[in-house]
Amino acid sequence: MTSVFALFLTAAALLVTTAVYSLIITRNLMRILLSLEIITKAVSLMMICVGYVTDQMAAAQSYAITIIIIEVMLLVVSVGIVFGVYRQNGHLNTDDLNNLKG
C-alpha cells in the first residue's frame, strides 16, 4: 500500500516540478495555461493519494471532482482570453503584450 502511495506521490511531485519549470521558462500563453493545468491535475492526484492512505476516499474524491469542475470552467474562460489576445496581436508571446486597451 505505501509503495503505491509513494509511486503516485512521486509522479505528482514530478508533474508539479515539470510544470513549474515550464512556467518559469516559457513565454507562450498556451504553454503557460497548459502548465497551470498540469499543476492542478497533480494536486488532484496528491489529494486522492492522501485520501487513499488515510481511508477517506469519499472526501478526497469529492474534493478532486470539485477542483476538476472549477478548473474546467476557468480553462474555458482562459482559452477565450488567449484566443482574443491572439486575434488582437497575432501572436501569444507574453513579452510583447504591453498594450492595455479597455
N, C-alpha and C. Protein backbone atom coordinates (compact mmCIF):
# COMPACT_ATOMS: atom_id res chain seq x y z
N MET A 1 0.83 -1.19 0.00
CA MET A 1 0.00 0.00 0.00
C MET A 1 0.87 1.25 0.00
N THR A 2 1.88 1.30 0.82
CA THR A 2 2.70 2.50 0.89
C THR A 2 3.58 2.67 -0.35
N SER A 3 3.94 1.56 -1.00
CA SER A 3 4.75 1.70 -2.21
C SER A 3 3.94 2.32 -3.35
N VAL A 4 2.66 1.98 -3.42
CA VAL A 4 1.79 2.59 -4.43
C VAL A 4 1.61 4.07 -4.12
N PHE A 5 1.42 4.38 -2.84
CA PHE A 5 1.29 5.78 -2.43
C PHE A 5 2.56 6.56 -2.78
N ALA A 6 3.71 5.98 -2.50
CA ALA A 6 4.98 6.65 -2.80
C ALA A 6 5.16 6.84 -4.30
N LEU A 7 4.73 5.86 -5.08
CA LEU A 7 4.85 5.97 -6.53
C LEU A 7 3.99 7.10 -7.08
N PHE A 8 2.73 7.15 -6.66
CA PHE A 8 1.84 8.20 -7.14
C PHE A 8 2.25 9.57 -6.62
N LEU A 9 2.71 9.63 -5.39
CA LEU A 9 3.15 10.90 -4.83
C LEU A 9 4.41 11.40 -5.54
N THR A 10 5.29 10.49 -5.89
CA THR A 10 6.48 10.87 -6.66
C THR A 10 6.10 11.35 -8.06
N ALA A 11 5.15 10.67 -8.67
CA ALA A 11 4.69 11.09 -10.00
C ALA A 11 4.05 12.48 -9.94
N ALA A 12 3.25 12.73 -8.91
CA ALA A 12 2.62 14.04 -8.77
C ALA A 12 3.67 15.12 -8.51
N ALA A 13 4.66 14.82 -7.69
CA ALA A 13 5.72 15.79 -7.43
C ALA A 13 6.53 16.07 -8.69
N LEU A 14 6.75 15.05 -9.49
CA LEU A 14 7.46 15.24 -10.76
C LEU A 14 6.64 16.09 -11.73
N LEU A 15 5.33 15.88 -11.75
CA LEU A 15 4.46 16.70 -12.59
C LEU A 15 4.49 18.16 -12.16
N VAL A 16 4.42 18.40 -10.85
CA VAL A 16 4.46 19.78 -10.36
C VAL A 16 5.80 20.43 -10.69
N THR A 17 6.88 19.70 -10.50
CA THR A 17 8.20 20.25 -10.79
C THR A 17 8.35 20.59 -12.27
N THR A 18 7.90 19.70 -13.13
CA THR A 18 7.98 19.94 -14.57
C THR A 18 7.13 21.14 -14.98
N ALA A 19 5.94 21.25 -14.42
CA ALA A 19 5.05 22.36 -14.77
C ALA A 19 5.58 23.69 -14.26
N VAL A 20 6.14 23.71 -13.07
CA VAL A 20 6.71 24.96 -12.54
C VAL A 20 7.91 25.38 -13.38
N TYR A 21 8.73 24.42 -13.78
CA TYR A 21 9.86 24.73 -14.67
C TYR A 21 9.35 25.31 -15.99
N SER A 22 8.30 24.74 -16.52
CA SER A 22 7.73 25.24 -17.77
C SER A 22 7.16 26.65 -17.58
N LEU A 23 6.55 26.91 -16.43
CA LEU A 23 6.03 28.25 -16.16
C LEU A 23 7.15 29.28 -16.11
N ILE A 24 8.27 28.90 -15.55
CA ILE A 24 9.39 29.83 -15.43
C ILE A 24 10.05 30.09 -16.79
N ILE A 25 10.17 29.05 -17.61
CA ILE A 25 10.93 29.15 -18.86
C ILE A 25 10.12 29.75 -20.01
N THR A 26 8.89 29.34 -20.18
CA THR A 26 8.16 29.68 -21.41
C THR A 26 7.56 31.09 -21.35
N ARG A 27 7.33 31.64 -22.54
CA ARG A 27 6.68 32.94 -22.69
C ARG A 27 5.41 32.84 -23.54
N ASN A 28 5.01 31.63 -23.90
CA ASN A 28 3.83 31.41 -24.72
C ASN A 28 2.62 31.24 -23.81
N LEU A 29 1.53 31.94 -24.11
CA LEU A 29 0.35 31.89 -23.26
C LEU A 29 -0.27 30.50 -23.20
N MET A 30 -0.30 29.78 -24.30
CA MET A 30 -0.89 28.44 -24.28
C MET A 30 -0.05 27.48 -23.45
N ARG A 31 1.26 27.61 -23.51
CA ARG A 31 2.12 26.75 -22.69
C ARG A 31 1.97 27.09 -21.21
N ILE A 32 1.81 28.35 -20.90
CA ILE A 32 1.57 28.75 -19.51
C ILE A 32 0.27 28.16 -19.02
N LEU A 33 -0.77 28.23 -19.84
CA LEU A 33 -2.06 27.67 -19.48
C LEU A 33 -1.98 26.15 -19.30
N LEU A 34 -1.25 25.48 -20.17
CA LEU A 34 -1.06 24.04 -20.06
C LEU A 34 -0.29 23.68 -18.79
N SER A 35 0.69 24.48 -18.44
CA SER A 35 1.45 24.24 -17.21
C SER A 35 0.57 24.38 -15.97
N LEU A 36 -0.30 25.36 -15.97
CA LEU A 36 -1.22 25.52 -14.84
C LEU A 36 -2.18 24.34 -14.74
N GLU A 37 -2.61 23.82 -15.88
CA GLU A 37 -3.47 22.64 -15.88
C GLU A 37 -2.75 21.42 -15.32
N ILE A 38 -1.50 21.26 -15.68
CA ILE A 38 -0.73 20.12 -15.16
C ILE A 38 -0.57 20.23 -13.65
N ILE A 39 -0.35 21.44 -13.15
CA ILE A 39 -0.22 21.63 -11.70
C ILE A 39 -1.51 21.25 -10.99
N THR A 40 -2.64 21.67 -11.51
CA THR A 40 -3.90 21.35 -10.83
C THR A 40 -4.21 19.85 -10.90
N LYS A 41 -3.86 19.21 -12.00
CA LYS A 41 -4.05 17.75 -12.07
C LYS A 41 -3.15 17.03 -11.08
N ALA A 42 -1.94 17.51 -10.91
CA ALA A 42 -1.03 16.89 -9.93
C ALA A 42 -1.54 17.09 -8.51
N VAL A 43 -2.10 18.24 -8.22
CA VAL A 43 -2.67 18.47 -6.89
C VAL A 43 -3.86 17.55 -6.65
N SER A 44 -4.68 17.35 -7.66
CA SER A 44 -5.80 16.41 -7.53
C SER A 44 -5.30 15.00 -7.28
N LEU A 45 -4.25 14.60 -7.97
CA LEU A 45 -3.66 13.27 -7.76
C LEU A 45 -3.12 13.13 -6.35
N MET A 46 -2.47 14.18 -5.85
CA MET A 46 -1.96 14.15 -4.48
C MET A 46 -3.09 14.02 -3.46
N MET A 47 -4.18 14.74 -3.70
CA MET A 47 -5.30 14.67 -2.76
C MET A 47 -5.90 13.28 -2.74
N ILE A 48 -6.04 12.65 -3.87
CA ILE A 48 -6.60 11.30 -3.91
C ILE A 48 -5.65 10.31 -3.25
N CYS A 49 -4.35 10.48 -3.44
CA CYS A 49 -3.37 9.60 -2.78
C CYS A 49 -3.45 9.72 -1.26
N VAL A 50 -3.54 10.93 -0.77
CA VAL A 50 -3.63 11.13 0.68
C VAL A 50 -4.96 10.58 1.20
N GLY A 51 -6.03 10.73 0.46
CA GLY A 51 -7.30 10.15 0.87
C GLY A 51 -7.27 8.64 0.89
N TYR A 52 -6.52 8.04 -0.02
CA TYR A 52 -6.37 6.59 -0.05
C TYR A 52 -5.62 6.09 1.18
N VAL A 53 -4.58 6.78 1.56
CA VAL A 53 -3.77 6.36 2.71
C VAL A 53 -4.52 6.57 4.02
N THR A 54 -5.28 7.64 4.14
CA THR A 54 -5.99 7.93 5.39
C THR A 54 -7.39 7.32 5.43
N ASP A 55 -7.74 6.49 4.47
CA ASP A 55 -9.06 5.85 4.40
C ASP A 55 -10.21 6.85 4.34
N GLN A 56 -10.02 7.93 3.64
CA GLN A 56 -11.07 8.93 3.43
C GLN A 56 -11.21 9.19 1.93
N MET A 57 -11.43 8.13 1.20
CA MET A 57 -11.51 8.24 -0.25
C MET A 57 -12.70 9.06 -0.71
N ALA A 58 -13.81 8.96 -0.02
CA ALA A 58 -15.01 9.69 -0.45
C ALA A 58 -14.76 11.20 -0.39
N ALA A 59 -14.18 11.66 0.69
CA ALA A 59 -13.90 13.10 0.82
C ALA A 59 -12.86 13.54 -0.21
N ALA A 60 -11.83 12.75 -0.40
CA ALA A 60 -10.78 13.11 -1.35
C ALA A 60 -11.31 13.14 -2.78
N GLN A 61 -12.16 12.17 -3.12
CA GLN A 61 -12.72 12.15 -4.47
C GLN A 61 -13.68 13.31 -4.70
N SER A 62 -14.46 13.65 -3.69
CA SER A 62 -15.39 14.78 -3.86
C SER A 62 -14.63 16.09 -4.01
N TYR A 63 -13.55 16.26 -3.25
CA TYR A 63 -12.72 17.46 -3.43
C TYR A 63 -12.07 17.48 -4.80
N ALA A 64 -11.58 16.35 -5.25
CA ALA A 64 -10.92 16.28 -6.55
C ALA A 64 -11.91 16.58 -7.68
N ILE A 65 -13.12 16.05 -7.59
CA ILE A 65 -14.13 16.32 -8.62
C ILE A 65 -14.52 17.79 -8.61
N THR A 66 -14.63 18.38 -7.43
CA THR A 66 -14.94 19.81 -7.33
C THR A 66 -13.83 20.64 -7.96
N ILE A 67 -12.59 20.28 -7.69
CA ILE A 67 -11.46 21.00 -8.27
C ILE A 67 -11.47 20.88 -9.80
N ILE A 68 -11.77 19.69 -10.30
CA ILE A 68 -11.78 19.48 -11.75
C ILE A 68 -12.89 20.30 -12.41
N ILE A 69 -14.06 20.37 -11.79
CA ILE A 69 -15.17 21.15 -12.35
C ILE A 69 -14.82 22.63 -12.39
N ILE A 70 -14.27 23.15 -11.30
CA ILE A 70 -13.87 24.56 -11.27
C ILE A 70 -12.76 24.82 -12.28
N GLU A 71 -11.85 23.87 -12.40
CA GLU A 71 -10.74 24.02 -13.34
C GLU A 71 -11.22 24.07 -14.78
N VAL A 72 -12.21 23.28 -15.12
CA VAL A 72 -12.73 23.28 -16.49
C VAL A 72 -13.39 24.63 -16.80
N MET A 73 -14.13 25.17 -15.84
CA MET A 73 -14.75 26.49 -16.07
C MET A 73 -13.68 27.57 -16.26
N LEU A 74 -12.64 27.54 -15.45
CA LEU A 74 -11.56 28.51 -15.60
C LEU A 74 -10.80 28.32 -16.90
N LEU A 75 -10.67 27.08 -17.33
CA LEU A 75 -9.98 26.79 -18.58
C LEU A 75 -10.73 27.37 -19.77
N VAL A 76 -12.04 27.25 -19.77
CA VAL A 76 -12.84 27.78 -20.87
C VAL A 76 -12.68 29.30 -20.95
N VAL A 77 -12.74 29.97 -19.81
CA VAL A 77 -12.58 31.42 -19.80
C VAL A 77 -11.16 31.80 -20.23
N SER A 78 -10.18 31.08 -19.75
CA SER A 78 -8.78 31.39 -20.09
C SER A 78 -8.49 31.18 -21.57
N VAL A 79 -9.00 30.11 -22.13
CA VAL A 79 -8.79 29.86 -23.57
C VAL A 79 -9.48 30.95 -24.39
N GLY A 80 -10.64 31.40 -23.95
CA GLY A 80 -11.30 32.52 -24.62
C GLY A 80 -10.46 33.78 -24.59
N ILE A 81 -9.85 34.06 -23.46
CA ILE A 81 -8.98 35.23 -23.36
C ILE A 81 -7.75 35.08 -24.24
N VAL A 82 -7.18 33.88 -24.26
CA VAL A 82 -6.00 33.63 -25.10
C VAL A 82 -6.35 33.78 -26.58
N PHE A 83 -7.51 33.29 -27.01
CA PHE A 83 -7.92 33.46 -28.40
C PHE A 83 -8.11 34.94 -28.73
N GLY A 84 -8.68 35.70 -27.80
CA GLY A 84 -8.83 37.14 -28.01
C GLY A 84 -7.50 37.85 -28.15
N VAL A 85 -6.55 37.46 -27.32
CA VAL A 85 -5.20 38.05 -27.42
C VAL A 85 -4.56 37.69 -28.75
N TYR A 86 -4.75 36.44 -29.19
CA TYR A 86 -4.17 36.03 -30.47
C TYR A 86 -4.81 36.78 -31.64
N ARG A 87 -6.10 36.97 -31.59
CA ARG A 87 -6.77 37.71 -32.67
C ARG A 87 -6.30 39.16 -32.72
N GLN A 88 -6.11 39.75 -31.55
CA GLN A 88 -5.73 41.15 -31.49
C GLN A 88 -4.27 41.36 -31.90
N ASN A 89 -3.38 40.49 -31.45
CA ASN A 89 -1.95 40.71 -31.66
C ASN A 89 -1.32 39.82 -32.73
N GLY A 90 -1.91 38.67 -33.00
CA GLY A 90 -1.35 37.76 -33.99
C GLY A 90 -0.27 36.84 -33.45
N HIS A 91 -0.01 36.89 -32.15
CA HIS A 91 0.98 36.02 -31.52
C HIS A 91 0.59 35.83 -30.05
N LEU A 92 1.26 34.89 -29.40
CA LEU A 92 0.97 34.59 -28.00
C LEU A 92 2.17 34.82 -27.09
N ASN A 93 3.16 35.58 -27.55
CA ASN A 93 4.34 35.85 -26.76
C ASN A 93 4.02 36.89 -25.69
N THR A 94 4.30 36.57 -24.43
CA THR A 94 3.94 37.48 -23.34
C THR A 94 4.88 38.67 -23.23
N ASP A 95 6.05 38.61 -23.85
CA ASP A 95 6.97 39.74 -23.79
C ASP A 95 6.43 40.94 -24.56
N ASP A 96 5.65 40.70 -25.58
CA ASP A 96 5.15 41.78 -26.43
C ASP A 96 3.75 42.24 -26.04
N LEU A 97 3.18 41.70 -24.99
CA LEU A 97 1.82 42.07 -24.59
C LEU A 97 1.88 43.19 -23.56
N ASN A 98 2.04 44.41 -24.04
CA ASN A 98 2.10 45.54 -23.12
C ASN A 98 1.08 46.62 -23.42
N ASN A 99 0.24 46.39 -24.40
CA ASN A 99 -0.79 47.37 -24.73
C ASN A 99 -2.09 47.01 -24.02
N LEU A 100 -2.50 47.88 -23.12
CA LEU A 100 -3.73 47.65 -22.38
C LEU A 100 -4.81 48.57 -22.94
N LYS A 101 -5.72 47.99 -23.66
CA LYS A 101 -6.83 48.75 -24.22
C LYS A 101 -8.10 48.31 -23.52
N GLY A 102 -8.90 49.22 -23.09
CA GLY A 102 -10.09 48.87 -22.35
C GLY A 102 -11.29 48.97 -23.10
